[in-house]
Structures are given as C-alpha cells and as structure tokens.
Amino acid sequence: MVPLNYYLVLAAILFVIGAIGTLIRKDAIVIFLCIELMMNSVNLSLITFSKMWGNHTGQMIVFFVMAIAACEAAIGLAIILSLYRTKNTIQVSEINSLKG
C-alpha cells in the first residue's frame, strides 16, 4: 500500500507544474489545461486528507469541484472559440482586449 504522504507530494508536484505552465505558456488552450491540472491536484489533496482523517466530507467536496470544472470547461472553451473567431488567434499575448 502506498503511504498517504506520497499522494500529497504528487498533488504538490502537479500543482506546481500547473502553476508554472499557467505563468509561462502563451497559448490559451494550454493555460486552460494547466488550470485544470491544478484543480485535479486539489482534488487529489482533498481525497488524500479525507482518507487520512477518516472523514468523507472531502470526497463529497470533490464531486462539487468536478461539477464546477465541467461547467468551467464548457464556458472556457466557448470563450476561447469566440476569441479565435474574432481575433484569429489564441495566443494570450496577442489578445490584449476584448474589444472588437
């Protein structure tokens, strides 16, 4: 059995990778995926703490976070698609305003 501390270390590594990707990358879709990676690392932490403390509240919160992530994915991709149609690019550095 894998110790629970390893799950927390993995969650921290995933969160750092997502944060660095969000700060460094310029492609809107890659930034969006890095934010999703950070949300998944938080979910892993919640499940780990839930298992560690023997409380199922963290696991219930994960379901709400997953529902919010699904809504965020739909809205985020719609915004990226709309920006691509108006600006013909998804590079964040080239999209400096939402004006037409």
N, C-alpha and C. Protein backbone atom coordinates (compact mmCIF):
# COMPACT_ATOMS: atom_id res chain seq x y z
N MET A 1 0.85 -1.19 0.00
CA MET A 1 0.00 0.00 0.00
C MET A 1 0.89 1.25 0.00
N VAL A 2 0.50 2.22 -0.78
CA VAL A 2 1.27 3.46 -0.91
C VAL A 2 0.92 4.37 0.27
N PRO A 3 1.94 4.92 0.95
CA PRO A 3 1.65 5.86 2.05
C PRO A 3 0.92 7.10 1.55
N LEU A 4 0.09 7.67 2.40
CA LEU A 4 -0.72 8.81 2.00
C LEU A 4 0.12 10.06 1.75
N ASN A 5 1.29 10.14 2.36
CA ASN A 5 2.16 11.30 2.13
C ASN A 5 2.61 11.38 0.68
N TYR A 6 2.76 10.24 0.04
CA TYR A 6 3.17 10.23 -1.37
C TYR A 6 2.11 10.88 -2.26
N TYR A 7 0.85 10.68 -1.91
CA TYR A 7 -0.23 11.32 -2.67
C TYR A 7 -0.17 12.83 -2.53
N LEU A 8 0.15 13.31 -1.34
CA LEU A 8 0.25 14.75 -1.13
C LEU A 8 1.44 15.33 -1.89
N VAL A 9 2.54 14.60 -1.92
CA VAL A 9 3.71 15.06 -2.69
C VAL A 9 3.37 15.10 -4.17
N LEU A 10 2.68 14.08 -4.67
CA LEU A 10 2.26 14.07 -6.07
C LEU A 10 1.32 15.23 -6.37
N ALA A 11 0.38 15.51 -5.47
CA ALA A 11 -0.53 16.63 -5.66
C ALA A 11 0.22 17.95 -5.69
N ALA A 12 1.22 18.10 -4.83
CA ALA A 12 2.01 19.34 -4.82
C ALA A 12 2.80 19.48 -6.12
N ILE A 13 3.38 18.39 -6.60
CA ILE A 13 4.13 18.44 -7.86
C ILE A 13 3.22 18.80 -9.02
N LEU A 14 2.03 18.19 -9.08
CA LEU A 14 1.08 18.51 -10.14
C LEU A 14 0.64 19.97 -10.08
N PHE A 15 0.44 20.47 -8.86
CA PHE A 15 0.02 21.87 -8.72
C PHE A 15 1.11 22.81 -9.19
N VAL A 16 2.35 22.52 -8.84
CA VAL A 16 3.46 23.37 -9.27
C VAL A 16 3.63 23.33 -10.78
N ILE A 17 3.50 22.15 -11.39
CA ILE A 17 3.58 22.05 -12.85
C ILE A 17 2.47 22.88 -13.50
N GLY A 18 1.27 22.79 -12.96
CA GLY A 18 0.16 23.58 -13.50
C GLY A 18 0.37 25.07 -13.32
N ALA A 19 0.89 25.48 -12.16
CA ALA A 19 1.11 26.91 -11.92
C ALA A 19 2.21 27.45 -12.84
N ILE A 20 3.28 26.69 -13.00
CA ILE A 20 4.35 27.14 -13.89
C ILE A 20 3.86 27.19 -15.34
N GLY A 21 3.09 26.20 -15.75
CA GLY A 21 2.54 26.20 -17.10
C GLY A 21 1.60 27.37 -17.33
N THR A 22 0.83 27.74 -16.31
CA THR A 22 -0.07 28.87 -16.44
C THR A 22 0.69 30.18 -16.58
N LEU A 23 1.80 30.29 -15.87
CA LEU A 23 2.57 31.54 -15.92
C LEU A 23 3.46 31.65 -17.15
N ILE A 24 3.95 30.54 -17.67
CA ILE A 24 4.93 30.57 -18.75
C ILE A 24 4.29 30.52 -20.14
N ARG A 25 3.32 29.65 -20.32
CA ARG A 25 2.77 29.41 -21.66
C ARG A 25 1.96 30.59 -22.15
N LYS A 26 1.85 30.71 -23.49
CA LYS A 26 1.12 31.81 -24.11
C LYS A 26 -0.11 31.35 -24.88
N ASP A 27 -0.27 30.06 -25.03
CA ASP A 27 -1.41 29.51 -25.74
C ASP A 27 -2.58 29.37 -24.77
N ALA A 28 -3.74 29.88 -25.14
CA ALA A 28 -4.88 29.91 -24.23
C ALA A 28 -5.36 28.50 -23.87
N ILE A 29 -5.29 27.58 -24.79
CA ILE A 29 -5.75 26.22 -24.51
C ILE A 29 -4.80 25.52 -23.54
N VAL A 30 -3.50 25.73 -23.69
CA VAL A 30 -2.53 25.13 -22.77
C VAL A 30 -2.69 25.73 -21.38
N ILE A 31 -2.92 27.03 -21.29
CA ILE A 31 -3.16 27.67 -19.99
C ILE A 31 -4.41 27.09 -19.36
N PHE A 32 -5.43 26.89 -20.16
CA PHE A 32 -6.68 26.30 -19.69
C PHE A 32 -6.44 24.88 -19.14
N LEU A 33 -5.64 24.09 -19.84
CA LEU A 33 -5.33 22.73 -19.38
C LEU A 33 -4.49 22.75 -18.11
N CYS A 34 -3.60 23.72 -17.98
CA CYS A 34 -2.80 23.82 -16.75
C CYS A 34 -3.68 24.19 -15.55
N ILE A 35 -4.69 25.01 -15.76
CA ILE A 35 -5.62 25.32 -14.68
C ILE A 35 -6.40 24.07 -14.29
N GLU A 36 -6.79 23.28 -15.27
CA GLU A 36 -7.47 22.02 -14.98
C GLU A 36 -6.56 21.06 -14.19
N LEU A 37 -5.28 21.05 -14.53
CA LEU A 37 -4.32 20.22 -13.81
C LEU A 37 -4.21 20.67 -12.36
N MET A 38 -4.23 21.97 -12.13
CA MET A 38 -4.19 22.47 -10.76
C MET A 38 -5.45 22.09 -9.99
N MET A 39 -6.60 22.13 -10.65
CA MET A 39 -7.85 21.72 -9.97
C MET A 39 -7.82 20.23 -9.64
N ASN A 40 -7.26 19.42 -10.52
CA ASN A 40 -7.16 17.99 -10.24
C ASN A 40 -6.19 17.70 -9.10
N SER A 41 -5.14 18.49 -8.97
CA SER A 41 -4.23 18.28 -7.85
C SER A 41 -4.90 18.65 -6.53
N VAL A 42 -5.75 19.65 -6.54
CA VAL A 42 -6.51 19.99 -5.33
C VAL A 42 -7.49 18.87 -5.00
N ASN A 43 -8.11 18.29 -6.01
CA ASN A 43 -9.00 17.14 -5.78
C ASN A 43 -8.24 15.98 -5.16
N LEU A 44 -7.04 15.71 -5.65
CA LEU A 44 -6.23 14.64 -5.08
C LEU A 44 -5.88 14.93 -3.62
N SER A 45 -5.58 16.17 -3.31
CA SER A 45 -5.30 16.54 -1.92
C SER A 45 -6.53 16.36 -1.04
N LEU A 46 -7.69 16.77 -1.54
CA LEU A 46 -8.92 16.61 -0.75
C LEU A 46 -9.22 15.15 -0.47
N ILE A 47 -9.05 14.30 -1.47
CA ILE A 47 -9.30 12.87 -1.27
C ILE A 47 -8.28 12.27 -0.31
N THR A 48 -7.03 12.71 -0.40
CA THR A 48 -6.00 12.19 0.50
C THR A 48 -6.27 12.58 1.95
N PHE A 49 -6.61 13.86 2.18
CA PHE A 49 -6.92 14.28 3.54
C PHE A 49 -8.19 13.60 4.05
N SER A 50 -9.14 13.38 3.17
CA SER A 50 -10.36 12.68 3.56
C SER A 50 -10.05 11.26 4.02
N LYS A 51 -9.19 10.59 3.29
CA LYS A 51 -8.79 9.22 3.66
C LYS A 51 -7.94 9.24 4.93
N MET A 52 -7.07 10.25 5.07
CA MET A 52 -6.18 10.33 6.21
C MET A 52 -6.96 10.53 7.52
N TRP A 53 -7.98 11.37 7.47
CA TRP A 53 -8.73 11.68 8.68
C TRP A 53 -9.96 10.82 8.86
N GLY A 54 -10.27 9.96 7.90
CA GLY A 54 -11.42 9.07 8.01
C GLY A 54 -12.75 9.79 7.90
N ASN A 55 -12.76 10.93 7.21
CA ASN A 55 -13.96 11.73 7.05
C ASN A 55 -14.29 11.79 5.56
N HIS A 56 -15.54 11.64 5.21
CA HIS A 56 -15.93 11.60 3.80
C HIS A 56 -16.33 12.97 3.25
N THR A 57 -16.16 14.01 4.02
CA THR A 57 -16.53 15.34 3.56
C THR A 57 -15.68 15.78 2.37
N GLY A 58 -14.39 15.49 2.41
CA GLY A 58 -13.50 15.86 1.30
C GLY A 58 -13.90 15.19 0.01
N GLN A 59 -14.35 13.95 0.10
CA GLN A 59 -14.76 13.24 -1.11
C GLN A 59 -16.04 13.83 -1.68
N MET A 60 -16.92 14.32 -0.81
CA MET A 60 -18.14 14.96 -1.31
C MET A 60 -17.82 16.30 -1.96
N ILE A 61 -16.86 17.03 -1.40
CA ILE A 61 -16.47 18.31 -2.00
C ILE A 61 -15.86 18.10 -3.38
N VAL A 62 -15.14 16.98 -3.55
CA VAL A 62 -14.53 16.68 -4.85
C VAL A 62 -15.59 16.56 -5.94
N PHE A 63 -16.74 15.99 -5.62
CA PHE A 63 -17.81 15.90 -6.62
C PHE A 63 -18.30 17.28 -7.03
N PHE A 64 -18.39 18.22 -6.08
CA PHE A 64 -18.80 19.57 -6.42
C PHE A 64 -17.73 20.27 -7.25
N VAL A 65 -16.46 20.06 -6.92
CA VAL A 65 -15.37 20.66 -7.68
C VAL A 65 -15.36 20.10 -9.11
N MET A 66 -15.64 18.81 -9.26
CA MET A 66 -15.68 18.22 -10.60
C MET A 66 -16.83 18.79 -11.41
N ALA A 67 -17.97 19.04 -10.77
CA ALA A 67 -19.10 19.64 -11.48
C ALA A 67 -18.77 21.07 -11.91
N ILE A 68 -18.12 21.81 -11.03
CA ILE A 68 -17.71 23.17 -11.37
C ILE A 68 -16.68 23.15 -12.49
N ALA A 69 -15.76 22.18 -12.47
CA ALA A 69 -14.75 22.06 -13.51
C ALA A 69 -15.39 21.76 -14.86
N ALA A 70 -16.44 20.96 -14.88
CA ALA A 70 -17.12 20.66 -16.14
C ALA A 70 -17.79 21.91 -16.70
N CYS A 71 -18.41 22.68 -15.83
CA CYS A 71 -19.03 23.94 -16.28
C CYS A 71 -17.96 24.92 -16.76
N GLU A 72 -16.86 24.99 -16.02
CA GLU A 72 -15.77 25.88 -16.39
C GLU A 72 -15.16 25.48 -17.73
N ALA A 73 -15.07 24.18 -17.97
CA ALA A 73 -14.52 23.71 -19.24
C ALA A 73 -15.41 24.12 -20.41
N ALA A 74 -16.70 23.98 -20.24
CA ALA A 74 -17.62 24.36 -21.32
C ALA A 74 -17.58 25.86 -21.58
N ILE A 75 -17.61 26.66 -20.53
CA ILE A 75 -17.61 28.11 -20.70
C ILE A 75 -16.24 28.59 -21.20
N GLY A 76 -15.18 28.03 -20.65
CA GLY A 76 -13.83 28.43 -21.07
C GLY A 76 -13.57 28.14 -22.53
N LEU A 77 -13.95 26.95 -22.98
CA LEU A 77 -13.76 26.62 -24.39
C LEU A 77 -14.63 27.47 -25.30
N ALA A 78 -15.82 27.83 -24.84
CA ALA A 78 -16.67 28.72 -25.63
C ALA A 78 -16.03 30.10 -25.75
N ILE A 79 -15.44 30.59 -24.68
CA ILE A 79 -14.76 31.90 -24.74
C ILE A 79 -13.55 31.83 -25.66
N ILE A 80 -12.78 30.76 -25.57
CA ILE A 80 -11.61 30.60 -26.45
C ILE A 80 -12.04 30.53 -27.91
N LEU A 81 -13.11 29.80 -28.18
CA LEU A 81 -13.62 29.71 -29.55
C LEU A 81 -14.10 31.06 -30.05
N SER A 82 -14.77 31.82 -29.20
CA SER A 82 -15.23 33.15 -29.58
C SER A 82 -14.06 34.09 -29.85
N LEU A 83 -13.03 34.02 -29.02
CA LEU A 83 -11.85 34.85 -29.25
C LEU A 83 -11.15 34.47 -30.54
N TYR A 84 -11.10 33.18 -30.84
CA TYR A 84 -10.46 32.75 -32.08
C TYR A 84 -11.24 33.25 -33.30
N ARG A 85 -12.55 33.26 -33.19
CA ARG A 85 -13.35 33.73 -34.33
C ARG A 85 -13.19 35.22 -34.55
N THR A 86 -13.01 35.99 -33.48
CA THR A 86 -12.90 37.44 -33.65
C THR A 86 -11.47 37.90 -33.91
N LYS A 87 -10.49 37.28 -33.26
CA LYS A 87 -9.10 37.72 -33.37
C LYS A 87 -8.24 36.82 -34.26
N ASN A 88 -8.73 35.65 -34.64
CA ASN A 88 -8.00 34.67 -35.45
C ASN A 88 -6.70 34.19 -34.80
N THR A 89 -6.65 34.19 -33.50
CA THR A 89 -5.52 33.66 -32.75
C THR A 89 -5.98 33.28 -31.35
N ILE A 90 -5.22 32.36 -30.73
CA ILE A 90 -5.50 32.02 -29.34
C ILE A 90 -4.28 32.30 -28.46
N GLN A 91 -3.32 33.05 -29.01
CA GLN A 91 -2.16 33.46 -28.23
C GLN A 91 -2.58 34.58 -27.27
N VAL A 92 -2.31 34.36 -25.99
CA VAL A 92 -2.75 35.32 -24.98
C VAL A 92 -2.04 36.66 -25.14
N SER A 93 -0.79 36.65 -25.58
CA SER A 93 -0.05 37.90 -25.74
C SER A 93 -0.61 38.77 -26.86
N GLU A 94 -1.28 38.17 -27.81
CA GLU A 94 -1.84 38.93 -28.93
C GLU A 94 -3.28 39.38 -28.66
N ILE A 95 -3.91 38.79 -27.68
CA ILE A 95 -5.29 39.17 -27.32
C ILE A 95 -5.18 40.07 -26.10
N ASN A 96 -5.11 41.38 -26.34
CA ASN A 96 -4.91 42.29 -25.22
C ASN A 96 -6.20 42.95 -24.75
N SER A 97 -7.26 42.82 -25.50
CA SER A 97 -8.53 43.38 -25.04
C SER A 97 -9.67 42.57 -25.65
N LEU A 98 -10.82 42.71 -25.05
CA LEU A 98 -11.99 42.02 -25.55
C LEU A 98 -12.82 42.90 -26.48
N LYS A 99 -12.28 44.07 -26.82
CA LYS A 99 -12.97 44.94 -27.76
C LYS A 99 -12.81 44.40 -29.17
N GLY A 100 -13.79 44.65 -30.01
CA GLY A 100 -13.77 44.18 -31.40
C GLY A 100 -12.87 44.94 -32.24
